[in-house]
Every structure is written in C-alpha cells, then in structure tokens.
C-alpha cells in the first residue's frame, strides 16, 4: 500500500467514526485530535479499526506516532507495505 492509499484509509476510518468530521480541510502536519476534536475513545476506535482491517498490533507506546496524518502515514507505511 502506498502513502496516498494509507492517507485515504485513515481519512475513511475517521469518517466512519465521525461522519460530521471535516476531513477536506485537514492539515497533514497538525494533530488530528485538535483538528477534529477527537477524544481518547475516538482515537482508540481508529487504532482498533486498523487492527481489525489489517491485523495490525499497535502498542500503546506507539500511539504518539499517530498524532498527525503525516505521522500516521509514516508509521503505517512499512507495516502496510505488502497489503
């Protein structure tokens, strides 16, 4: 899976969790929680959806690496390379 596809997957998951989320104006380098007013449960829903879809185990200590759209893509790219 390439970077654009990973970006699209993350946005799709966000829309599934919060259908009112304005993903069109997301800045890729700013924290998702701040831009989308995500609470900790919403964030965990994103992590759980990645686990469900792609059988990814994301340890809690890696959660800070999922703060922005860019950091999500950077973190997930090597894990989803062969998907």
Protein backbone atom coordinates (compact mmCIF):
# COMPACT_ATOMS: atom_id res chain seq x y z
CA UNK A 1 0.00 0.00 0.00
CA UNK A 2 1.43 3.38 -0.95
CA UNK A 3 1.37 6.62 1.05
CA UNK A 4 -1.69 8.04 -0.73
CA UNK A 5 -3.68 4.85 -0.13
CA UNK A 6 -2.73 4.85 3.57
CA UNK A 7 -3.76 8.50 3.83
CA UNK A 8 -7.11 7.65 2.22
CA UNK A 9 -7.65 4.73 4.61
CA UNK A 10 -7.04 6.93 7.64
CA UNK A 11 -9.47 9.55 6.36
CA UNK A 12 -12.04 6.84 5.60
CA UNK A 13 -11.73 5.46 9.14
CA UNK A 14 -12.11 8.96 10.60
CA UNK A 15 -15.27 9.49 8.53
CA UNK A 16 -16.63 6.14 9.71
CA UNK A 17 -16.09 7.17 13.33
CA UNK A 18 -17.34 10.75 12.94
CA UNK A 19 -19.43 11.29 9.83
CA UNK A 20 -19.54 15.04 10.55
CA UNK A 21 -15.74 15.35 10.52
CA UNK A 22 -14.47 17.91 8.02
CA UNK A 23 -11.63 15.89 6.54
CA UNK A 24 -11.33 18.11 3.47
CA UNK A 25 -9.53 20.81 5.44
CA UNK A 26 -7.21 18.56 7.46
CA UNK A 27 -3.66 19.84 7.75
CA UNK A 28 -1.42 16.81 7.45
CA UNK A 29 1.13 18.16 9.94
CA UNK A 30 -1.24 19.23 12.76
CA UNK A 31 -2.59 16.92 15.48
CA UNK A 32 -5.73 15.10 14.40
CA UNK A 33 -7.22 15.34 17.89
CA UNK A 34 -7.06 19.14 17.79
CA UNK A 35 -8.39 19.49 14.27
CA UNK A 36 -11.25 17.03 14.61
CA UNK A 37 -11.99 17.35 18.31
CA UNK A 38 -11.33 13.63 18.78
CA UNK A 39 -11.48 12.29 22.29
CA UNK A 40 -9.44 9.34 23.54
CA UNK A 41 -12.21 6.87 22.69
CA UNK A 42 -12.37 8.14 19.10
CA UNK A 43 -8.62 7.73 18.84
CA UNK A 44 -8.84 4.18 20.19
CA UNK A 45 -11.58 3.46 17.64
CA UNK A 46 -9.14 4.44 14.89
CA UNK A 47 -6.48 2.12 16.31
CA UNK A 48 -9.00 -0.73 16.70
CA UNK A 49 -10.22 -0.29 13.13
CA UNK A 50 -6.65 -0.51 11.83
CA UNK A 51 -6.24 -3.69 13.87
CA UNK A 52 -9.48 -5.13 12.51
CA UNK A 53 -8.86 -4.27 8.86
CA UNK A 54 -5.16 -5.03 8.62
CA UNK A 55 -4.38 -7.27 11.62
CA UNK A 56 -2.04 -4.59 12.96
CA UNK A 57 -0.90 -4.62 16.54
CA UNK A 58 -0.16 -1.05 17.56
CA UNK A 59 1.36 -0.90 21.05
CA UNK A 60 0.18 1.88 23.31
CA UNK A 61 3.66 3.36 23.47
CA UNK A 62 3.44 3.96 19.69
CA UNK A 63 0.21 6.00 19.91
CA UNK A 64 2.10 9.34 19.86
CA UNK A 65 3.37 8.36 16.41
CA UNK A 66 -0.25 8.52 15.20
CA UNK A 67 -0.79 12.14 16.20
CA UNK A 68 -0.91 13.74 12.75
CA UNK A 69 -1.97 12.50 9.35
CA UNK A 70 1.66 12.60 8.17
CA UNK A 71 2.93 10.73 11.22
CA UNK A 72 0.20 8.10 10.77
CA UNK A 73 1.29 7.53 7.19
CA UNK A 74 4.97 7.41 8.21
CA UNK A 75 4.23 4.90 10.97
CA UNK A 76 1.90 2.69 8.92
CA UNK A 77 3.79 2.68 5.60
CA UNK A 78 6.32 -0.04 6.50
CA UNK A 79 3.62 -2.08 8.26
CA UNK A 80 1.25 -1.96 5.27
CA UNK A 81 3.86 -2.20 2.51
CA UNK A 82 2.69 -5.63 1.38
CA UNK A 83 -1.05 -5.01 1.67
